C-alpha atoms as a PDB file:
ATOM      1  CA  UNK A   1      54.309  91.894 -48.689  1.00  0.00           C
ATOM      2  CA  UNK A   2      56.000  90.723 -45.493  1.00  0.00           C
ATOM      3  CA  UNK A   3      52.660  90.823 -43.658  1.00  0.00           C
ATOM      4  CA  UNK A   4      51.041  88.671 -46.355  1.00  0.00           C
ATOM      5  CA  UNK A   5      53.882  86.141 -46.185  1.00  0.00           C
ATOM      6  CA  UNK A   6      53.603  85.883 -42.409  1.00  0.00           C
ATOM      7  CA  UNK A   7      49.841  85.431 -42.619  1.00  0.00           C
ATOM      8  CA  UNK A   8      50.162  82.675 -45.235  1.00  0.00           C
ATOM      9  CA  UNK A   9      52.843  80.936 -43.133  1.00  0.00           C
ATOM     10  CA  UNK A  10      50.578  81.028 -40.090  1.00  0.00           C
ATOM     11  CA  UNK A  11      47.621  79.706 -42.082  1.00  0.00           C
ATOM     12  CA  UNK A  12      49.667  76.834 -43.446  1.00  0.00           C
ATOM     13  CA  UNK A  13      50.776  75.974 -39.895  1.00  0.00           C
ATOM     14  CA  UNK A  14      47.142  75.843 -38.812  1.00  0.00           C
ATOM     15  CA  UNK A  15      46.246  73.600 -41.762  1.00  0.00           C
ATOM     16  CA  UNK A  16      49.081  71.156 -41.008  1.00  0.00           C
ATOM     17  CA  UNK A  17      48.261  71.010 -37.322  1.00  0.00           C
ATOM     18  CA  UNK A  18      44.558  70.483 -37.970  1.00  0.00           C
ATOM     19  CA  UNK A  19      45.029  67.756 -40.572  1.00  0.00           C
ATOM     20  CA  UNK A  20      47.506  65.592 -38.723  1.00  0.00           C
ATOM     21  CA  UNK A  21      47.691  64.109 -35.284  1.00  0.00           C
ATOM     22  CA  UNK A  22      49.996  66.501 -33.450  1.00  0.00           C
ATOM     23  CA  UNK A  23      50.346  66.356 -29.680  1.00  0.00           C
ATOM     24  CA  UNK A  24      51.653  69.243 -27.615  1.00  0.00           C
ATOM     25  CA  UNK A  25      53.433  68.283 -24.373  1.00  0.00           C
ATOM     26  CA  UNK A  26      54.010  71.097 -21.878  1.00  0.00           C
ATOM     27  CA  UNK A  27      56.246  70.658 -18.839  1.00  0.00           C
ATOM     28  CA  UNK A  28      54.533  71.612 -15.568  1.00  0.00           C
ATOM     29  CA  UNK A  29      57.200  70.270 -13.214  1.00  0.00           C
ATOM     30  CA  UNK A  30      58.324  72.134 -10.105  1.00  0.00           C
ATOM     31  CA  UNK A  31      60.871  74.160 -12.069  1.00  0.00           C
ATOM     32  CA  UNK A  32      58.002  75.809 -13.973  1.00  0.00           C
ATOM     33  CA  UNK A  33      56.694  77.369 -10.733  1.00  0.00           C
ATOM     34  CA  UNK A  34      56.093  81.079 -11.254  1.00  0.00           C
ATOM     35  CA  UNK A  35      55.269  80.529 -14.950  1.00  0.00           C
ATOM     36  CA  UNK A  36      51.647  79.429 -14.387  1.00  0.00           C
ATOM     37  CA  UNK A  37      50.071  82.489 -16.021  1.00  0.00           C
ATOM     38  CA  UNK A  38      52.438  82.244 -19.002  1.00  0.00           C
ATOM     39  CA  UNK A  39      51.567  78.551 -19.421  1.00  0.00           C
ATOM     40  CA  UNK A  40      47.821  79.287 -19.157  1.00  0.00           C
ATOM     41  CA  UNK A  41      48.027  82.091 -21.728  1.00  0.00           C
ATOM     42  CA  UNK A  42      50.003  79.836 -24.032  1.00  0.00           C
ATOM     43  CA  UNK A  43      47.517  76.953 -23.684  1.00  0.00           C
ATOM     44  CA  UNK A  44      44.541  79.264 -24.352  1.00  0.00           C
ATOM     45  CA  UNK A  45      46.270  80.625 -27.460  1.00  0.00           C
ATOM     46  CA  UNK A  46      46.931  77.107 -28.724  1.00  0.00           C
ATOM     47  CA  UNK A  47      43.326  76.021 -28.021  1.00  0.00           C
ATOM     48  CA  UNK A  48      42.055  79.022 -29.970  1.00  0.00           C
ATOM     49  CA  UNK A  49      44.398  78.664 -32.965  1.00  0.00           C
ATOM     50  CA  UNK A  50      44.920  74.874 -33.103  1.00  0.00           C
ATOM     51  CA  UNK A  51      41.502  73.488 -32.293  1.00  0.00           C
ATOM     52  CA  UNK A  52      42.281  69.863 -33.138  1.00  0.00           C
ATOM     53  CA  UNK A  53      45.651  69.656 -31.419  1.00  0.00           C
ATOM     54  CA  UNK A  54      45.823  67.459 -28.330  1.00  0.00           C
ATOM     55  CA  UNK A  55      47.407  69.325 -25.424  1.00  0.00           C
ATOM     56  CA  UNK A  56      48.975  67.548 -22.465  1.00  0.00           C
ATOM     57  CA  UNK A  57      50.523  68.889 -19.269  1.00  0.00           C
ATOM     58  CA  UNK A  58      53.118  66.706 -17.613  1.00  0.00           C
ATOM     59  CA  UNK A  59      55.334  66.419 -14.562  1.00  0.00           C
ATOM     60  CA  UNK A  60      55.351  63.089 -12.681  1.00  0.00           C
ATOM     61  CA  UNK A  61      51.919  62.499 -14.210  1.00  0.00           C
ATOM     62  CA  UNK A  62      50.270  63.335 -17.545  1.00  0.00           C
ATOM     63  CA  UNK A  63      47.002  65.216 -17.888  1.00  0.00           C
ATOM     64  CA  UNK A  64      45.178  65.860 -21.153  1.00  0.00           C
ATOM     65  CA  UNK A  65      43.756  69.374 -21.243  1.00  0.00           C
ATOM     66  CA  UNK A  66      39.962  69.258 -21.366  1.00  0.00           C
ATOM     67  CA  UNK A  67      38.978  72.241 -23.477  1.00  0.00           C
ATOM     68  CA  UNK A  68      35.549  72.353 -21.817  1.00  0.00           C
ATOM     69  CA  UNK A  69      36.813  72.707 -18.243  1.00  0.00           C
ATOM     70  CA  UNK A  70      38.692  75.476 -16.429  1.00  0.00           C
ATOM     71  CA  UNK A  71      42.441  75.081 -16.757  1.00  0.00           C
ATOM     72  CA  UNK A  72      44.253  74.515 -13.482  1.00  0.00           C
ATOM     73  CA  UNK A  73      48.035  74.464 -13.423  1.00  0.00           C
ATOM     74  CA  UNK A  74      50.006  73.509 -10.336  1.00  0.00           C
ATOM     75  CA  UNK A  75      53.706  73.107 -11.179  1.00  0.00           C
ATOM     76  CA  UNK A  76      55.194  70.378  -9.010  1.00  0.00           C
ATOM     77  CA  UNK A  77      57.233  67.204  -9.146  1.00  0.00           C
ATOM     78  CA  UNK A  78      59.770  66.028 -11.663  1.00  0.00           C
ATOM     79  CA  UNK A  79      60.012  65.988 -15.446  1.00  0.00           C
ATOM     80  CA  UNK A  80      58.894  62.422 -16.244  1.00  0.00           C
ATOM     81  CA  UNK A  81      59.189  62.748 -20.000  1.00  0.00           C
ATOM     82  CA  UNK A  82      59.407  59.009 -20.696  1.00  0.00           C
ATOM     83  CA  UNK A  83      56.022  58.448 -19.036  1.00  0.00           C
ATOM     84  CA  UNK A  84      54.531  61.449 -20.877  1.00  0.00           C
ATOM     85  CA  UNK A  85      55.759  60.211 -24.263  1.00  0.00           C
ATOM     86  CA  UNK A  86      54.361  56.730 -23.615  1.00  0.00           C
ATOM     87  CA  UNK A  87      50.954  58.169 -22.697  1.00  0.00           C
ATOM     88  CA  UNK A  88      50.470  60.655 -25.552  1.00  0.00           C
ATOM     89  CA  UNK A  89      51.839  58.686 -28.477  1.00  0.00           C
ATOM     90  CA  UNK A  90      49.558  56.421 -30.426  1.00  0.00           C
ATOM     91  CA  UNK A  91      49.690  54.900 -33.909  1.00  0.00           C
ATOM     92  CA  UNK A  92      48.265  58.035 -35.506  1.00  0.00           C
ATOM     93  CA  UNK A  93      50.676  60.486 -33.877  1.00  0.00           C
ATOM     94  CA  UNK A  94      52.704  62.207 -36.584  1.00  0.00           C
ATOM     95  CA  UNK A  95      54.444  64.779 -34.413  1.00  0.00           C
ATOM     96  CA  UNK A  96      55.033  65.638 -30.795  1.00  0.00           C
ATOM     97  CA  UNK A  97      55.888  69.167 -29.821  1.00  0.00           C
ATOM     98  CA  UNK A  98      57.641  69.237 -26.469  1.00  0.00           C
ATOM     99  CA  UNK A  99      58.021  72.396 -24.427  1.00  0.00           C
ATOM    100  CA  UNK A 100      60.223  72.117 -21.342  1.00  0.00           C
ATOM    101  CA  UNK A 101      62.707  74.001 -19.225  1.00  0.00           C
ATOM    102  CA  UNK A 102      64.742  71.126 -17.898  1.00  0.00           C
ATOM    103  CA  UNK A 103      66.376  67.745 -17.947  1.00  0.00           C
ATOM    104  CA  UNK A 104      64.042  64.703 -17.980  1.00  0.00           C
ATOM    105  CA  UNK A 105      63.952  62.574 -14.806  1.00  0.00           C
ATOM    106  CA  UNK A 106      65.182  59.353 -16.445  1.00  0.00           C
ATOM    107  CA  UNK A 107      67.091  59.959 -19.697  1.00  0.00           C
ATOM    108  CA  UNK A 108      67.603  56.228 -20.451  1.00  0.00           C
ATOM    109  CA  UNK A 109      63.845  55.591 -20.371  1.00  0.00           C
ATOM    110  CA  UNK A 110      63.282  58.649 -22.563  1.00  0.00           C
ATOM    111  CA  UNK A 111      65.672  57.212 -25.176  1.00  0.00           C
ATOM    112  CA  UNK A 112      63.722  53.916 -25.173  1.00  0.00           C
ATOM    113  CA  UNK A 113      60.388  55.720 -25.680  1.00  0.00           C
ATOM    114  CA  UNK A 114      61.856  57.879 -28.434  1.00  0.00           C
ATOM    115  CA  UNK A 115      63.186  54.757 -30.174  1.00  0.00           C
ATOM    116  CA  UNK A 116      59.597  53.424 -30.339  1.00  0.00           C
ATOM    117  CA  UNK A 117      58.349  56.745 -31.695  1.00  0.00           C
ATOM    118  CA  UNK A 118      61.068  56.908 -34.358  1.00  0.00           C
ATOM    119  CA  UNK A 119      60.102  53.395 -35.505  1.00  0.00           C
ATOM    120  CA  UNK A 120      56.614  54.808 -36.173  1.00  0.00           C
ATOM    121  CA  UNK A 121      58.184  57.823 -37.955  1.00  0.00           C
ATOM    122  CA  UNK A 122      56.884  60.259 -35.331  1.00  0.00           C
ATOM    123  CA  UNK A 123      58.639  63.620 -35.477  1.00  0.00           C
ATOM    124  CA  UNK A 124      59.707  65.305 -32.247  1.00  0.00           C
ATOM    125  CA  UNK A 125      60.179  69.038 -32.010  1.00  0.00           C
ATOM    126  CA  UNK A 126      61.603  70.179 -28.677  1.00  0.00           C
ATOM    127  CA  UNK A 127      61.508  73.769 -27.580  1.00  0.00           C
ATOM    128  CA  UNK A 128      63.741  74.427 -24.595  1.00  0.00           C
ATOM    129  CA  UNK A 129      62.594  77.408 -22.533  1.00  0.00           C
ATOM    130  CA  UNK A 130      65.522  79.194 -20.943  1.00  0.00           C
ATOM    131  CA  UNK A 131      69.146  80.083 -21.357  1.00  0.00           C
ATOM    132  CA  UNK A 132      70.836  78.322 -24.287  1.00  0.00           C
ATOM    133  CA  UNK A 133      73.852  77.408 -22.143  1.00  0.00           C
ATOM    134  CA  UNK A 134      71.572  75.376 -19.804  1.00  0.00           C
ATOM    135  CA  UNK A 135      69.954  73.291 -22.534  1.00  0.00           C
ATOM    136  CA  UNK A 136      69.873  69.559 -21.750  1.00  0.00           C
ATOM    137  CA  UNK A 137      71.949  67.547 -24.212  1.00  0.00           C
ATOM    138  CA  UNK A 138      69.368  64.755 -24.314  1.00  0.00           C
ATOM    139  CA  UNK A 139      66.730  67.084 -25.804  1.00  0.00           C
ATOM    140  CA  UNK A 140      68.955  67.728 -28.792  1.00  0.00           C
ATOM    141  CA  UNK A 141      69.636  64.001 -29.097  1.00  0.00           C
ATOM    142  CA  UNK A 142      65.936  62.963 -29.185  1.00  0.00           C
ATOM    143  CA  UNK A 143      64.662  65.826 -31.348  1.00  0.00           C
ATOM    144  CA  UNK A 144      64.255  66.072 -35.087  1.00  0.00           C
ATOM    145  CA  UNK A 145      64.029  69.808 -34.508  1.00  0.00           C
ATOM    146  CA  UNK A 146      65.544  71.498 -31.448  1.00  0.00           C
ATOM    147  CA  UNK A 147      64.809  75.118 -30.592  1.00  0.00           C
ATOM    148  CA  UNK A 148      65.764  77.380 -27.715  1.00  0.00           C
ATOM    149  CA  UNK A 149      63.439  80.191 -26.630  1.00  0.00           C
ATOM    150  CA  UNK A 150      63.548  82.623 -23.748  1.00  0.00           C
ATOM    151  CA  UNK A 151      59.800  82.157 -23.126  1.00  0.00           C
ATOM    152  CA  UNK A 152      56.802  80.131 -24.330  1.00  0.00           C
ATOM    153  CA  UNK A 153      55.920  82.810 -26.900  1.00  0.00           C
ATOM    154  CA  UNK A 154      56.596  81.624 -30.413  1.00  0.00           C
ATOM    155  CA  UNK A 155      57.521  78.052 -29.420  1.00  0.00           C
ATOM    156  CA  UNK A 156      54.597  76.392 -31.174  1.00  0.00           C
ATOM    157  CA  UNK A 157      54.682  78.562 -34.306  1.00  0.00           C
ATOM    158  CA  UNK A 158      58.423  78.047 -34.593  1.00  0.00           C
ATOM    159  CA  UNK A 159      58.035  74.269 -34.363  1.00  0.00           C
ATOM    160  CA  UNK A 160      55.149  74.069 -36.827  1.00  0.00           C
ATOM    161  CA  UNK A 161      56.778  76.367 -39.371  1.00  0.00           C
ATOM    162  CA  UNK A 162      60.109  74.538 -39.295  1.00  0.00           C
ATOM    163  CA  UNK A 163      60.972  73.044 -42.708  1.00  0.00           C
ATOM    164  CA  UNK A 164      61.796  69.616 -41.255  1.00  0.00           C
ATOM    165  CA  UNK A 165      58.406  69.395 -39.519  1.00  0.00           C
ATOM    166  CA  UNK A 166      56.583  70.582 -42.635  1.00  0.00           C
ATOM    167  CA  UNK A 167      58.355  67.988 -44.763  1.00  0.00           C
ATOM    168  CA  UNK A 168      57.230  65.139 -42.516  1.00  0.00           C
ATOM    169  CA  UNK A 169      53.694  66.428 -42.076  1.00  0.00           C
ATOM    170  CA  UNK A 170      53.178  67.321 -45.754  1.00  0.00           C
ATOM    171  CA  UNK A 171      52.423  63.774 -47.042  1.00  0.00           C
ATOM    172  CA  UNK A 172      49.742  63.366 -44.402  1.00  0.00           C
ATOM    173  CA  UNK A 173      48.204  66.685 -45.403  1.00  0.00           C
ATOM    174  CA  UNK A 174      48.254  65.765 -49.109  1.00  0.00           C
ATOM    175  CA  UNK A 175      46.592  62.414 -48.390  1.00  0.00           C
ATOM    176  CA  UNK A 176      43.707  64.168 -46.674  1.00  0.00           C
ATOM    177  CA  UNK A 177      43.015  66.521 -49.572  1.00  0.00           C
ATOM    178  CA  UNK A 178      43.355  63.948 -52.382  1.00  0.00           C
ATOM    179  CA  UNK A 179      40.068  62.961 -54.000  1.00  0.00           C
ATOM    180  CA  UNK A 180      38.874  59.525 -52.908  1.00  0.00           C
ATOM    181  CA  UNK A 181      37.850  58.470 -56.393  1.00  0.00           C
ATOM    182  CA  UNK A 182      39.777  58.548 -59.638  1.00  0.00           C
ATOM    183  CA  UNK A 183      37.958  59.470 -62.819  1.00  0.00           C
END
């Protein structure tokens, strides 16, 4: 019974992610050095399970992952989250899942970008990778859902299966499956 419940939860996560515009932002700043293989494995898993999800890597710059090219990850630079948020968000973005291990470079700019996103009703789920005692306060402040994980494993599933995320994404999902014509 437990296995069946877990499978149905995972399937529903896939359906929500594939029927809404969800962007995944993964920190590749200098502090992520040494985690390249974990990031690559995570990105490949996401590409396999969440085919329609846009995946972005960010540090001082933002790079959209091209699913048709080899993935190269070179952790370097700072955590320019404000720039990343401004580049990945568009009018259709319903949710942004942020995975990071540190404090953003310019917290005041991050707050301004988040204000714009909240006006569009974009949900932000932040998954902090590391020790709970080191978690940046600003991540909790900007997030609708804030999680702490020891590693990348489970970060995406945890965000997508969170009740708050589901609640926001549900109307979008229902709109897509409603018949276009009334009889």
